[in-house]
Amino acid sequence: WRIDQIAGFPRVHTDSEEAIKNRAGKKIIISAEQYIDHVGTKIISPVFKEEVIAEPRFQDGYKSSFKNLGITGDFIIRVTVYENNKVYGDFLYAPKEDKIITRYEGVFLNAFRE
């Protein structure tokens, strides 16, 4: 997966727009053997837990809408990444668009399959 573009800015984010735009082109690697996020953190033998989230719950939790993020489906899948039984982080998968949405400093970033 490769980060392609900013999916959306929330009302509050902690980094400059320029620094966030520099995330474009960064890779995300997801496999049973390893997970490497867009900042380069590597987890060996990650465990993934999937949870289906409908838009009303998404809006409550993420303070954004599917429309703002370019999601046209009725749900997204939140994938939580575990390392040694501890939560490392998560990302969102939009199956209809076949894209991952990750967050960096509170900003949503689109990543597409390579």
C-alpha atoms as a PDB file:
ATOM      1  CA  TRP A   1       0.000   0.000   0.000  1.00  0.00           C
ATOM      2  CA  ARG A   2       1.194   3.528  -0.708  1.00  0.00           C
ATOM      3  CA  ILE A   3      -0.117   6.792   0.696  1.00  0.00           C
ATOM      4  CA  ASP A   4      -1.494   8.796  -2.172  1.00  0.00           C
ATOM      5  CA  GLN A   5      -3.223  11.838  -0.750  1.00  0.00           C
ATOM      6  CA  ILE A   6      -4.770  13.524   2.236  1.00  0.00           C
ATOM      7  CA  ALA A   7      -8.271  12.137   2.726  1.00  0.00           C
ATOM      8  CA  GLY A   8      -9.382  14.885   5.081  1.00  0.00           C
ATOM      9  CA  PHE A   9      -8.439  17.281   7.829  1.00  0.00           C
ATOM     10  CA  PRO A  10     -10.335  17.160  11.102  1.00  0.00           C
ATOM     11  CA  ARG A  11     -11.142  20.387  12.870  1.00  0.00           C
ATOM     12  CA  VAL A  12      -8.064  19.913  15.055  1.00  0.00           C
ATOM     13  CA  HIS A  13      -4.723  18.440  13.997  1.00  0.00           C
ATOM     14  CA  THR A  14      -1.270  18.777  15.483  1.00  0.00           C
ATOM     15  CA  ASP A  15       1.146  19.098  12.585  1.00  0.00           C
ATOM     16  CA  SER A  16       1.652  21.558   9.752  1.00  0.00           C
ATOM     17  CA  GLU A  17      -0.072  20.970   6.440  1.00  0.00           C
ATOM     18  CA  GLU A  18       3.343  20.804   4.764  1.00  0.00           C
ATOM     19  CA  ALA A  19       4.596  18.058   7.101  1.00  0.00           C
ATOM     20  CA  ILE A  20       1.409  16.079   6.544  1.00  0.00           C
ATOM     21  CA  LYS A  21       1.647  16.412   2.760  1.00  0.00           C
ATOM     22  CA  ASN A  22       5.148  14.929   3.008  1.00  0.00           C
ATOM     23  CA  ARG A  23       3.489  11.618   3.992  1.00  0.00           C
ATOM     24  CA  ALA A  24       2.498  11.156   0.316  1.00  0.00           C
ATOM     25  CA  GLY A  25       4.413   8.308  -1.281  1.00  0.00           C
ATOM     26  CA  LYS A  26       5.172   6.565   2.032  1.00  0.00           C
ATOM     27  CA  LYS A  27       4.589   2.805   2.059  1.00  0.00           C
ATOM     28  CA  ILE A  28       2.503   0.683   4.414  1.00  0.00           C
ATOM     29  CA  ILE A  29       3.224  -3.052   4.460  1.00  0.00           C
ATOM     30  CA  ILE A  30       0.594  -5.413   5.829  1.00  0.00           C
ATOM     31  CA  SER A  31       1.107  -9.169   5.992  1.00  0.00           C
ATOM     32  CA  ALA A  32       0.903 -12.039   8.460  1.00  0.00           C
ATOM     33  CA  GLU A  33       4.679 -11.788   8.919  1.00  0.00           C
ATOM     34  CA  GLN A  34       5.001  -8.047   9.490  1.00  0.00           C
ATOM     35  CA  TYR A  35       3.284  -4.697   9.662  1.00  0.00           C
ATOM     36  CA  ILE A  36       5.235  -1.580   8.755  1.00  0.00           C
ATOM     37  CA  ASP A  37       3.397   1.704   9.115  1.00  0.00           C
ATOM     38  CA  HIS A  38       3.952   4.906   7.144  1.00  0.00           C
ATOM     39  CA  VAL A  39       6.462   6.237   9.668  1.00  0.00           C
ATOM     40  CA  GLY A  40       8.568   3.073   9.427  1.00  0.00           C
ATOM     41  CA  THR A  41       7.628   1.314  12.677  1.00  0.00           C
ATOM     42  CA  LYS A  42       7.951  -2.434  12.112  1.00  0.00           C
ATOM     43  CA  ILE A  43       5.985  -5.093  13.981  1.00  0.00           C
ATOM     44  CA  ILE A  44       6.942  -8.733  13.540  1.00  0.00           C
ATOM     45  CA  SER A  45       4.085 -11.295  13.631  1.00  0.00           C
ATOM     46  CA  PRO A  46       1.302  -8.765  14.150  1.00  0.00           C
ATOM     47  CA  VAL A  47      -2.202  -9.813  15.113  1.00  0.00           C
ATOM     48  CA  PHE A  48      -5.073  -8.060  13.334  1.00  0.00           C
ATOM     49  CA  LYS A  49      -8.614  -7.688  14.675  1.00  0.00           C
ATOM     50  CA  GLU A  50     -11.333  -6.468  12.297  1.00  0.00           C
ATOM     51  CA  GLU A  51     -14.464  -4.588  13.276  1.00  0.00           C
ATOM     52  CA  VAL A  52     -17.206  -3.399  10.906  1.00  0.00           C
ATOM     53  CA  ILE A  53     -18.289   0.181  11.586  1.00  0.00           C
ATOM     54  CA  ALA A  54     -21.364   1.866  10.083  1.00  0.00           C
ATOM     55  CA  GLU A  55     -21.321   5.592   9.350  1.00  0.00           C
ATOM     56  CA  PRO A  56     -23.265   6.864  12.401  1.00  0.00           C
ATOM     57  CA  ARG A  57     -20.804   5.182  14.765  1.00  0.00           C
ATOM     58  CA  PHE A  58     -17.884   6.350  12.619  1.00  0.00           C
ATOM     59  CA  GLN A  59     -19.087   9.960  12.835  1.00  0.00           C
ATOM     60  CA  ASP A  60     -19.375   9.730  16.621  1.00  0.00           C
ATOM     61  CA  GLY A  61     -15.928   8.233  17.092  1.00  0.00           C
ATOM     62  CA  TYR A  62     -13.882   9.943  14.376  1.00  0.00           C
ATOM     63  CA  LYS A  63     -15.708  13.289  14.080  1.00  0.00           C
ATOM     64  CA  SER A  64     -15.778  13.036  10.294  1.00  0.00           C
ATOM     65  CA  SER A  65     -18.119  11.599   7.675  1.00  0.00           C
ATOM     66  CA  PHE A  66     -17.741   8.961   5.004  1.00  0.00           C
ATOM     67  CA  LYS A  67     -18.460  11.635   2.387  1.00  0.00           C
ATOM     68  CA  ASN A  68     -15.593  13.823   3.670  1.00  0.00           C
ATOM     69  CA  LEU A  69     -13.227  10.854   3.277  1.00  0.00           C
ATOM     70  CA  GLY A  70     -14.497   9.773  -0.142  1.00  0.00           C
ATOM     71  CA  ILE A  71     -16.152   6.602   1.152  1.00  0.00           C
ATOM     72  CA  THR A  72     -19.257   5.603  -0.801  1.00  0.00           C
ATOM     73  CA  GLY A  73     -20.055   2.321   0.965  1.00  0.00           C
ATOM     74  CA  ASP A  74     -22.313   1.770   3.961  1.00  0.00           C
ATOM     75  CA  PHE A  75     -19.499   0.680   6.268  1.00  0.00           C
ATOM     76  CA  ILE A  76     -15.759   0.593   6.806  1.00  0.00           C
ATOM     77  CA  ILE A  77     -13.622  -1.977   8.546  1.00  0.00           C
ATOM     78  CA  ARG A  78     -11.422  -0.820  11.397  1.00  0.00           C
ATOM     79  CA  VAL A  79      -8.360  -3.047  11.694  1.00  0.00           C
ATOM     80  CA  THR A  80      -6.614  -2.920  15.052  1.00  0.00           C
ATOM     81  CA  VAL A  81      -2.974  -3.988  15.040  1.00  0.00           C
ATOM     82  CA  TYR A  82      -1.617  -5.823  18.080  1.00  0.00           C
ATOM     83  CA  GLU A  83       1.982  -6.446  19.064  1.00  0.00           C
ATOM     84  CA  ASN A  84       2.601  -8.884  21.934  1.00  0.00           C
ATOM     85  CA  ASN A  85      -1.054  -8.615  23.067  1.00  0.00           C
ATOM     86  CA  LYS A  86      -0.838  -4.801  23.217  1.00  0.00           C
ATOM     87  CA  VAL A  87      -2.646  -2.462  20.856  1.00  0.00           C
ATOM     88  CA  TYR A  88      -0.161  -0.763  18.535  1.00  0.00           C
ATOM     89  CA  GLY A  89      -2.650   1.196  16.459  1.00  0.00           C
ATOM     90  CA  ASP A  90      -5.288   0.862  13.808  1.00  0.00           C
ATOM     91  CA  PHE A  91      -6.231   1.731  10.260  1.00  0.00           C
ATOM     92  CA  LEU A  92      -9.465   1.816   8.304  1.00  0.00           C
ATOM     93  CA  TYR A  93     -10.250  -0.253   5.224  1.00  0.00           C
ATOM     94  CA  ALA A  94     -12.924   0.937   2.784  1.00  0.00           C
ATOM     95  CA  PRO A  95     -13.820  -2.203   0.793  1.00  0.00           C
ATOM     96  CA  LYS A  96     -15.886  -0.481  -1.900  1.00  0.00           C
ATOM     97  CA  GLU A  97     -12.984   1.827  -2.782  1.00  0.00           C
ATOM     98  CA  ASP A  98     -10.314  -0.800  -1.922  1.00  0.00           C
ATOM     99  CA  LYS A  99      -8.288   1.749   0.016  1.00  0.00           C
ATOM    100  CA  ILE A 100      -6.803   2.075   3.460  1.00  0.00           C
ATOM    101  CA  ILE A 101      -7.289   5.222   5.468  1.00  0.00           C
ATOM    102  CA  THR A 102      -4.648   5.801   8.094  1.00  0.00           C
ATOM    103  CA  ARG A 103      -4.152   8.727  10.432  1.00  0.00           C
ATOM    104  CA  TYR A 104      -1.114  10.858  11.074  1.00  0.00           C
ATOM    105  CA  GLU A 105      -1.208  13.624  13.689  1.00  0.00           C
ATOM    106  CA  GLY A 106      -5.006  13.517  13.485  1.00  0.00           C
ATOM    107  CA  VAL A 107      -5.194  13.802   9.671  1.00  0.00           C
ATOM    108  CA  PHE A 108      -6.724  11.080   7.507  1.00  0.00           C
ATOM    109  CA  LEU A 109      -4.512   9.766   4.674  1.00  0.00           C
ATOM    110  CA  ASN A 110      -5.555   7.534   1.761  1.00  0.00           C
ATOM    111  CA  ALA A 111      -3.386   4.570   0.815  1.00  0.00           C
ATOM    112  CA  PHE A 112      -3.941   2.436  -2.275  1.00  0.00           C
ATOM    113  CA  ARG A 113      -2.623  -0.975  -3.306  1.00  0.00           C
ATOM    114  CA  GLU A 114       0.561  -1.023  -5.302  1.00  0.00           C
END
